[in-house]
Amino acid sequence: MSALQAIAPREASIFACLCDAVVAPQPPLPAVRATDAVRAFDAGLVAAPRLNRLALRAGLLALEVAPLALGFGARLRRLTPARRAAALARLDRCAPVAPLLKALRAMAHLSYYGDLRVLNELGHDPEAIVARAAALRGLEGRW
């Protein structure tokens, strides 16, 4: 894996855990660790304004310890998948953190489903679409 630029390894691990919890990939879809989801999330944060980057990183760290505060007895990454899902569902109902969790969920989905292997497994080949478009532009003499 290439070096991460915006997030620390711990934050990368928390995001991978969150991504696995919200996407819950089942075969034939690859596991989160077999995709570039964490690198995609990191790249998005590199391009984000500094304040947004800091808020999302802080949100990941808060998300990691939130299950302890909710009485689940462990940090997010130490919970079983079922208890992790229960903790996230409970956080979804917590008005102060729900918007941040919604944003992190959306980023997890975008990061996972943007992986080329996942797209190909779902029957979408973006490289073939770009090639067809380039051929059509050449044929029609556009651009």
N, C-alpha and C. Protein backbone atom coordinates (compact mmCIF):
# COMPACT_ATOMS: atom_id res chain seq x y z
N MET A 1 0.85 -1.17 0.00
CA MET A 1 0.00 0.00 0.00
C MET A 1 0.89 1.23 0.00
N SER A 2 0.53 2.20 -0.84
CA SER A 2 1.29 3.44 -0.87
C SER A 2 1.08 4.22 0.42
N ALA A 3 2.04 5.07 0.72
CA ALA A 3 1.97 5.84 1.96
C ALA A 3 0.75 6.75 1.96
N LEU A 4 0.12 6.84 3.10
CA LEU A 4 -1.02 7.73 3.27
C LEU A 4 -0.51 9.13 3.57
N GLN A 5 -1.21 10.13 3.06
CA GLN A 5 -0.74 11.50 3.22
C GLN A 5 -1.55 12.31 4.22
N ALA A 6 -2.83 12.01 4.37
CA ALA A 6 -3.69 12.84 5.21
C ALA A 6 -4.07 12.19 6.53
N ILE A 7 -4.03 10.87 6.58
CA ILE A 7 -4.46 10.18 7.79
C ILE A 7 -3.34 9.28 8.32
N ALA A 8 -3.37 9.09 9.62
CA ALA A 8 -2.41 8.22 10.29
C ALA A 8 -2.87 6.76 10.15
N PRO A 9 -1.96 5.81 10.35
CA PRO A 9 -2.34 4.40 10.26
C PRO A 9 -3.54 4.02 11.15
N ARG A 10 -3.59 4.58 12.34
CA ARG A 10 -4.72 4.29 13.24
C ARG A 10 -6.03 4.76 12.62
N GLU A 11 -6.03 5.97 12.07
CA GLU A 11 -7.24 6.51 11.43
C GLU A 11 -7.61 5.68 10.20
N ALA A 12 -6.59 5.21 9.48
CA ALA A 12 -6.84 4.35 8.32
C ALA A 12 -7.52 3.05 8.76
N SER A 13 -7.07 2.50 9.88
CA SER A 13 -7.66 1.28 10.40
C SER A 13 -9.10 1.50 10.85
N ILE A 14 -9.35 2.65 11.48
CA ILE A 14 -10.72 2.98 11.91
C ILE A 14 -11.62 3.13 10.69
N PHE A 15 -11.13 3.83 9.66
CA PHE A 15 -11.94 4.01 8.45
C PHE A 15 -12.21 2.67 7.78
N ALA A 16 -11.21 1.80 7.70
CA ALA A 16 -11.41 0.47 7.10
C ALA A 16 -12.47 -0.31 7.87
N CYS A 17 -12.43 -0.22 9.18
CA CYS A 17 -13.43 -0.89 10.03
C CYS A 17 -14.82 -0.32 9.77
N LEU A 18 -14.91 1.00 9.73
CA LEU A 18 -16.20 1.64 9.44
C LEU A 18 -16.70 1.23 8.06
N CYS A 19 -15.81 1.27 7.08
CA CYS A 19 -16.17 0.90 5.71
C CYS A 19 -16.69 -0.54 5.67
N ASP A 20 -16.00 -1.43 6.36
CA ASP A 20 -16.44 -2.83 6.40
C ASP A 20 -17.81 -2.95 7.06
N ALA A 21 -18.05 -2.14 8.09
CA ALA A 21 -19.33 -2.21 8.80
C ALA A 21 -20.48 -1.66 7.96
N VAL A 22 -20.26 -0.56 7.25
CA VAL A 22 -21.38 0.05 6.52
C VAL A 22 -21.60 -0.58 5.15
N VAL A 23 -20.53 -1.06 4.53
CA VAL A 23 -20.68 -1.68 3.21
C VAL A 23 -21.00 -3.16 3.36
N ALA A 24 -20.38 -3.81 4.34
CA ALA A 24 -20.57 -5.24 4.61
C ALA A 24 -20.49 -6.08 3.34
N PRO A 25 -19.35 -6.02 2.65
CA PRO A 25 -19.24 -6.75 1.38
C PRO A 25 -19.30 -8.26 1.56
N GLN A 26 -20.01 -8.91 0.68
CA GLN A 26 -20.12 -10.36 0.65
C GLN A 26 -19.59 -10.85 -0.68
N PRO A 27 -18.96 -12.02 -0.73
CA PRO A 27 -18.48 -12.55 -2.01
C PRO A 27 -19.61 -12.60 -3.02
N PRO A 28 -19.35 -12.25 -4.23
CA PRO A 28 -18.04 -12.14 -4.87
C PRO A 28 -17.37 -10.78 -4.71
N LEU A 29 -17.98 -9.84 -4.00
CA LEU A 29 -17.33 -8.55 -3.80
C LEU A 29 -16.13 -8.74 -2.87
N PRO A 30 -15.05 -8.01 -3.15
CA PRO A 30 -13.84 -8.16 -2.34
C PRO A 30 -13.99 -7.54 -0.96
N ALA A 31 -13.21 -8.03 -0.03
CA ALA A 31 -13.16 -7.44 1.31
C ALA A 31 -12.59 -6.03 1.20
N VAL A 32 -12.91 -5.18 2.14
CA VAL A 32 -12.43 -3.80 2.14
C VAL A 32 -10.91 -3.76 2.05
N ARG A 33 -10.22 -4.65 2.77
CA ARG A 33 -8.76 -4.63 2.77
C ARG A 33 -8.17 -4.97 1.40
N ALA A 34 -8.95 -5.58 0.51
CA ALA A 34 -8.48 -5.94 -0.83
C ALA A 34 -8.79 -4.84 -1.85
N THR A 35 -9.29 -3.71 -1.39
CA THR A 35 -9.62 -2.60 -2.30
C THR A 35 -8.74 -1.39 -1.98
N ASP A 36 -8.95 -0.35 -2.74
CA ASP A 36 -8.21 0.89 -2.48
C ASP A 36 -9.08 1.89 -1.72
N ALA A 37 -10.05 1.41 -0.97
CA ALA A 37 -10.98 2.29 -0.27
C ALA A 37 -10.27 3.24 0.70
N VAL A 38 -9.34 2.73 1.47
CA VAL A 38 -8.64 3.59 2.44
C VAL A 38 -7.79 4.62 1.70
N ARG A 39 -7.10 4.20 0.66
CA ARG A 39 -6.29 5.15 -0.12
C ARG A 39 -7.17 6.19 -0.80
N ALA A 40 -8.35 5.79 -1.25
CA ALA A 40 -9.27 6.75 -1.88
C ALA A 40 -9.77 7.76 -0.85
N PHE A 41 -10.09 7.29 0.34
CA PHE A 41 -10.52 8.19 1.41
C PHE A 41 -9.39 9.17 1.74
N ASP A 42 -8.18 8.66 1.85
CA ASP A 42 -7.02 9.50 2.13
C ASP A 42 -6.83 10.54 1.02
N ALA A 43 -6.95 10.13 -0.22
CA ALA A 43 -6.79 11.07 -1.34
C ALA A 43 -7.86 12.16 -1.30
N GLY A 44 -9.06 11.79 -0.92
CA GLY A 44 -10.12 12.78 -0.80
C GLY A 44 -9.82 13.79 0.29
N LEU A 45 -9.25 13.32 1.39
CA LEU A 45 -8.89 14.23 2.47
C LEU A 45 -7.72 15.14 2.08
N VAL A 46 -6.79 14.62 1.30
CA VAL A 46 -5.67 15.44 0.83
C VAL A 46 -6.21 16.63 0.04
N ALA A 47 -7.24 16.39 -0.76
CA ALA A 47 -7.82 17.44 -1.60
C ALA A 47 -8.80 18.34 -0.84
N ALA A 48 -9.21 17.94 0.34
CA ALA A 48 -10.21 18.69 1.11
C ALA A 48 -9.58 19.90 1.81
N PRO A 49 -10.39 20.90 2.10
CA PRO A 49 -9.88 22.01 2.91
C PRO A 49 -9.39 21.50 4.27
N ARG A 50 -8.41 22.18 4.81
CA ARG A 50 -7.78 21.75 6.06
C ARG A 50 -8.79 21.54 7.19
N LEU A 51 -9.73 22.45 7.34
CA LEU A 51 -10.72 22.34 8.40
C LEU A 51 -11.58 21.08 8.24
N ASN A 52 -11.99 20.79 7.02
CA ASN A 52 -12.78 19.57 6.76
C ASN A 52 -11.96 18.32 7.08
N ARG A 53 -10.70 18.35 6.66
CA ARG A 53 -9.81 17.21 6.92
C ARG A 53 -9.67 16.97 8.42
N LEU A 54 -9.45 18.03 9.17
CA LEU A 54 -9.31 17.90 10.62
C LEU A 54 -10.61 17.39 11.27
N ALA A 55 -11.73 17.92 10.80
CA ALA A 55 -13.02 17.49 11.37
C ALA A 55 -13.28 16.01 11.10
N LEU A 56 -12.99 15.54 9.91
CA LEU A 56 -13.23 14.14 9.59
C LEU A 56 -12.26 13.22 10.34
N ARG A 57 -11.02 13.65 10.48
CA ARG A 57 -10.06 12.85 11.26
C ARG A 57 -10.50 12.78 12.72
N ALA A 58 -10.91 13.91 13.27
CA ALA A 58 -11.40 13.93 14.66
C ALA A 58 -12.66 13.07 14.78
N GLY A 59 -13.50 13.12 13.76
CA GLY A 59 -14.71 12.30 13.76
C GLY A 59 -14.40 10.81 13.78
N LEU A 60 -13.37 10.40 13.05
CA LEU A 60 -12.97 8.99 13.08
C LEU A 60 -12.50 8.58 14.47
N LEU A 61 -11.71 9.43 15.08
CA LEU A 61 -11.21 9.11 16.43
C LEU A 61 -12.35 9.06 17.44
N ALA A 62 -13.31 9.97 17.31
CA ALA A 62 -14.47 9.96 18.20
C ALA A 62 -15.33 8.72 17.95
N LEU A 63 -15.47 8.35 16.70
CA LEU A 63 -16.25 7.17 16.34
C LEU A 63 -15.63 5.91 16.94
N GLU A 64 -14.32 5.87 17.01
CA GLU A 64 -13.63 4.71 17.57
C GLU A 64 -13.98 4.51 19.04
N VAL A 65 -14.10 5.59 19.80
CA VAL A 65 -14.35 5.45 21.24
C VAL A 65 -15.83 5.57 21.61
N ALA A 66 -16.67 5.98 20.67
CA ALA A 66 -18.09 6.16 20.96
C ALA A 66 -18.76 4.92 21.54
N PRO A 67 -18.47 3.71 21.05
CA PRO A 67 -19.12 2.54 21.65
C PRO A 67 -18.82 2.37 23.14
N LEU A 68 -17.66 2.81 23.58
CA LEU A 68 -17.35 2.76 25.01
C LEU A 68 -18.32 3.64 25.78
N ALA A 69 -18.56 4.84 25.27
CA ALA A 69 -19.47 5.77 25.94
C ALA A 69 -20.91 5.28 25.90
N LEU A 70 -21.23 4.47 24.91
CA LEU A 70 -22.59 3.95 24.78
C LEU A 70 -22.82 2.65 25.55
N GLY A 71 -21.79 2.19 26.23
CA GLY A 71 -21.93 0.98 27.05
C GLY A 71 -21.68 -0.33 26.32
N PHE A 72 -21.02 -0.29 25.17
CA PHE A 72 -20.76 -1.52 24.41
C PHE A 72 -19.52 -2.26 24.93
N GLY A 73 -18.76 -1.61 25.82
CA GLY A 73 -17.65 -2.28 26.47
C GLY A 73 -16.35 -2.38 25.70
N ALA A 74 -16.29 -1.84 24.51
CA ALA A 74 -15.05 -1.89 23.72
C ALA A 74 -15.08 -0.79 22.66
N ARG A 75 -13.92 -0.53 22.12
CA ARG A 75 -13.82 0.42 21.01
C ARG A 75 -14.44 -0.20 19.76
N LEU A 76 -14.73 0.63 18.79
CA LEU A 76 -15.40 0.18 17.56
C LEU A 76 -14.66 -0.99 16.90
N ARG A 77 -13.35 -0.86 16.75
CA ARG A 77 -12.58 -1.89 16.04
C ARG A 77 -12.51 -3.20 16.80
N ARG A 78 -12.82 -3.20 18.08
CA ARG A 78 -12.75 -4.43 18.88
C ARG A 78 -14.10 -5.14 18.99
N LEU A 79 -15.14 -4.51 18.51
CA LEU A 79 -16.48 -5.12 18.57
C LEU A 79 -16.66 -6.16 17.47
N THR A 80 -17.53 -7.12 17.72
CA THR A 80 -17.91 -8.07 16.67
C THR A 80 -18.70 -7.31 15.61
N PRO A 81 -18.78 -7.82 14.40
CA PRO A 81 -19.56 -7.12 13.37
C PRO A 81 -21.00 -6.80 13.79
N ALA A 82 -21.65 -7.71 14.49
CA ALA A 82 -23.04 -7.46 14.90
C ALA A 82 -23.11 -6.33 15.93
N ARG A 83 -22.20 -6.33 16.90
CA ARG A 83 -22.20 -5.27 17.91
C ARG A 83 -21.75 -3.94 17.32
N ARG A 84 -20.86 -4.01 16.35
CA ARG A 84 -20.43 -2.80 15.65
C ARG A 84 -21.62 -2.18 14.92
N ALA A 85 -22.40 -3.00 14.24
CA ALA A 85 -23.59 -2.50 13.54
C ALA A 85 -24.59 -1.91 14.52
N ALA A 86 -24.74 -2.55 15.68
CA ALA A 86 -25.66 -2.03 16.70
C ALA A 86 -25.18 -0.69 17.23
N ALA A 87 -23.88 -0.56 17.44
CA ALA A 87 -23.33 0.70 17.94
C ALA A 87 -23.53 1.81 16.91
N LEU A 88 -23.30 1.51 15.65
CA LEU A 88 -23.48 2.52 14.60
C LEU A 88 -24.96 2.90 14.47
N ALA A 89 -25.84 1.93 14.60
CA ALA A 89 -27.27 2.23 14.53
C ALA A 89 -27.69 3.14 15.68
N ARG A 90 -27.12 2.90 16.84
CA ARG A 90 -27.43 3.75 17.99
C ARG A 90 -26.88 5.16 17.78
N LEU A 91 -25.70 5.26 17.21
CA LEU A 91 -25.12 6.57 16.92
C LEU A 91 -25.93 7.32 15.86
N ASP A 92 -26.54 6.58 14.94
CA ASP A 92 -27.39 7.20 13.91
C ASP A 92 -28.57 7.94 14.55
N ARG A 93 -29.00 7.49 15.71
CA ARG A 93 -30.13 8.13 16.40
C ARG A 93 -29.70 9.24 17.36
N CYS A 94 -28.41 9.47 17.44
CA CYS A 94 -27.87 10.49 18.34
C CYS A 94 -27.69 11.79 17.54
N ALA A 95 -28.61 12.73 17.75
CA ALA A 95 -28.66 13.95 16.94
C ALA A 95 -27.33 14.69 16.78
N PRO A 96 -26.53 14.87 17.83
CA PRO A 96 -25.30 15.64 17.65
C PRO A 96 -24.28 14.99 16.71
N VAL A 97 -24.23 13.66 16.66
CA VAL A 97 -23.22 12.99 15.84
C VAL A 97 -23.78 12.40 14.55
N ALA A 98 -25.08 12.35 14.41
CA ALA A 98 -25.69 11.72 13.23
C ALA A 98 -25.21 12.33 11.91
N PRO A 99 -25.11 13.66 11.78
CA PRO A 99 -24.65 14.22 10.50
C PRO A 99 -23.21 13.81 10.15
N LEU A 100 -22.34 13.78 11.16
CA LEU A 100 -20.96 13.37 10.91
C LEU A 100 -20.91 11.90 10.51
N LEU A 101 -21.67 11.06 11.19
CA LEU A 101 -21.70 9.64 10.85
C LEU A 101 -22.27 9.44 9.45
N LYS A 102 -23.28 10.22 9.10
CA LYS A 102 -23.86 10.13 7.75
C LYS A 102 -22.81 10.48 6.70
N ALA A 103 -22.03 11.52 6.96
CA ALA A 103 -20.98 11.92 6.02
C ALA A 103 -19.91 10.83 5.92
N LEU A 104 -19.50 10.27 7.04
CA LEU A 104 -18.49 9.21 7.02
C LEU A 104 -19.03 7.95 6.33
N ARG A 105 -20.30 7.63 6.53
CA ARG A 105 -20.91 6.49 5.83
C ARG A 105 -20.87 6.71 4.32
N ALA A 106 -21.25 7.92 3.90
CA ALA A 106 -21.25 8.23 2.47
C ALA A 106 -19.84 8.11 1.89
N MET A 107 -18.85 8.61 2.62
CA MET A 107 -17.47 8.52 2.15
C MET A 107 -17.00 7.08 2.10
N ALA A 108 -17.45 6.26 3.03
CA ALA A 108 -17.10 4.84 3.01
C ALA A 108 -17.67 4.16 1.77
N HIS A 109 -18.94 4.45 1.48
CA HIS A 109 -19.56 3.87 0.27
C HIS A 109 -18.85 4.33 -0.99
N LEU A 110 -18.59 5.62 -1.10
CA LEU A 110 -17.91 6.15 -2.29
C LEU A 110 -16.52 5.55 -2.43
N SER A 111 -15.80 5.45 -1.33
CA SER A 111 -14.44 4.91 -1.38
C SER A 111 -14.43 3.44 -1.78
N TYR A 112 -15.36 2.66 -1.24
CA TYR A 112 -15.40 1.23 -1.57
C TYR A 112 -15.91 0.99 -2.99
N TYR A 113 -17.04 1.57 -3.31
CA TYR A 113 -17.64 1.29 -4.62
C TYR A 113 -16.93 2.00 -5.76
N GLY A 114 -15.99 2.87 -5.47
CA GLY A 114 -15.16 3.50 -6.50
C GLY A 114 -13.96 2.65 -6.90
N ASP A 115 -13.70 1.58 -6.19
CA ASP A 115 -12.59 0.69 -6.50
C ASP A 115 -12.86 -0.02 -7.82
N LEU A 116 -11.86 -0.08 -8.71
CA LEU A 116 -12.06 -0.69 -10.02
C LEU A 116 -12.45 -2.15 -9.95
N ARG A 117 -11.87 -2.89 -9.01
CA ARG A 117 -12.23 -4.31 -8.89
C ARG A 117 -13.70 -4.47 -8.49
N VAL A 118 -14.16 -3.62 -7.57
CA VAL A 118 -15.56 -3.67 -7.14
C VAL A 118 -16.46 -3.29 -8.32
N LEU A 119 -16.11 -2.21 -9.02
CA LEU A 119 -16.91 -1.80 -10.18
C LEU A 119 -17.00 -2.91 -11.22
N ASN A 120 -15.87 -3.54 -11.51
CA ASN A 120 -15.87 -4.62 -12.49
C ASN A 120 -16.71 -5.80 -12.02
N GLU A 121 -16.64 -6.10 -10.74
CA GLU A 121 -17.44 -7.21 -10.20
C GLU A 121 -18.94 -6.93 -10.32
N LEU A 122 -19.28 -5.64 -10.26
CA LEU A 122 -20.69 -5.24 -10.39
C LEU A 122 -21.12 -5.05 -11.85
N GLY A 123 -20.19 -5.32 -12.78
CA GLY A 123 -20.52 -5.24 -14.20
C GLY A 123 -20.30 -3.87 -14.82
N HIS A 124 -19.58 -3.01 -14.16
CA HIS A 124 -19.30 -1.67 -14.69
C HIS A 124 -17.82 -1.57 -15.00
N ASP A 125 -17.48 -1.26 -16.23
CA ASP A 125 -16.08 -1.14 -16.64
C ASP A 125 -15.82 0.28 -17.11
N PRO A 126 -15.39 1.16 -16.22
CA PRO A 126 -15.20 2.56 -16.59
C PRO A 126 -14.15 2.76 -17.68
N GLU A 127 -13.12 1.92 -17.70
CA GLU A 127 -12.09 2.06 -18.73
C GLU A 127 -12.67 1.76 -20.11
N ALA A 128 -13.55 0.78 -20.21
CA ALA A 128 -14.18 0.46 -21.48
C ALA A 128 -15.11 1.59 -21.93
N ILE A 129 -15.79 2.22 -20.98
CA ILE A 129 -16.68 3.34 -21.31
C ILE A 129 -15.87 4.51 -21.85
N VAL A 130 -14.75 4.81 -21.22
CA VAL A 130 -13.89 5.90 -21.69
C VAL A 130 -13.34 5.57 -23.08
N ALA A 131 -12.95 4.33 -23.31
CA ALA A 131 -12.44 3.93 -24.62
C ALA A 131 -13.51 4.06 -25.70
N ARG A 132 -14.74 3.63 -25.38
CA ARG A 132 -15.83 3.76 -26.35
C ARG A 132 -16.11 5.23 -26.66
N ALA A 133 -16.10 6.07 -25.64
CA ALA A 133 -16.35 7.50 -25.83
C ALA A 133 -15.26 8.13 -26.68
N ALA A 134 -14.01 7.75 -26.45
CA ALA A 134 -12.90 8.29 -27.24
C ALA A 134 -13.02 7.86 -28.69
N ALA A 135 -13.39 6.60 -28.91
CA ALA A 135 -13.56 6.11 -30.28
C ALA A 135 -14.69 6.85 -30.98
N LEU A 136 -15.79 7.07 -30.28
CA LEU A 136 -16.93 7.78 -30.86
C LEU A 136 -16.56 9.22 -31.18
N ARG A 137 -15.84 9.88 -30.27
CA ARG A 137 -15.40 11.26 -30.54
C ARG A 137 -14.52 11.31 -31.77
N GLY A 138 -13.62 10.33 -31.90
CA GLY A 138 -12.74 10.28 -33.07
C GLY A 138 -13.52 10.02 -34.34
N LEU A 139 -14.50 9.14 -34.27
CA LEU A 139 -15.32 8.80 -35.43
C LEU A 139 -16.16 9.99 -35.89
N GLU A 140 -16.69 10.73 -34.93
CA GLU A 140 -17.55 11.88 -35.24
C GLU A 140 -16.76 13.16 -35.42
N GLY A 141 -15.46 13.11 -35.14
CA GLY A 141 -14.64 14.29 -35.31
C GLY A 141 -14.88 15.37 -34.26
N ARG A 142 -15.35 14.96 -33.10
CA ARG A 142 -15.58 15.93 -32.03
C ARG A 142 -14.31 16.09 -31.21
N TRP A 143 -14.11 17.27 -30.68
CA TRP A 143 -13.01 17.64 -29.80
C TRP A 143 -11.71 17.18 -30.36
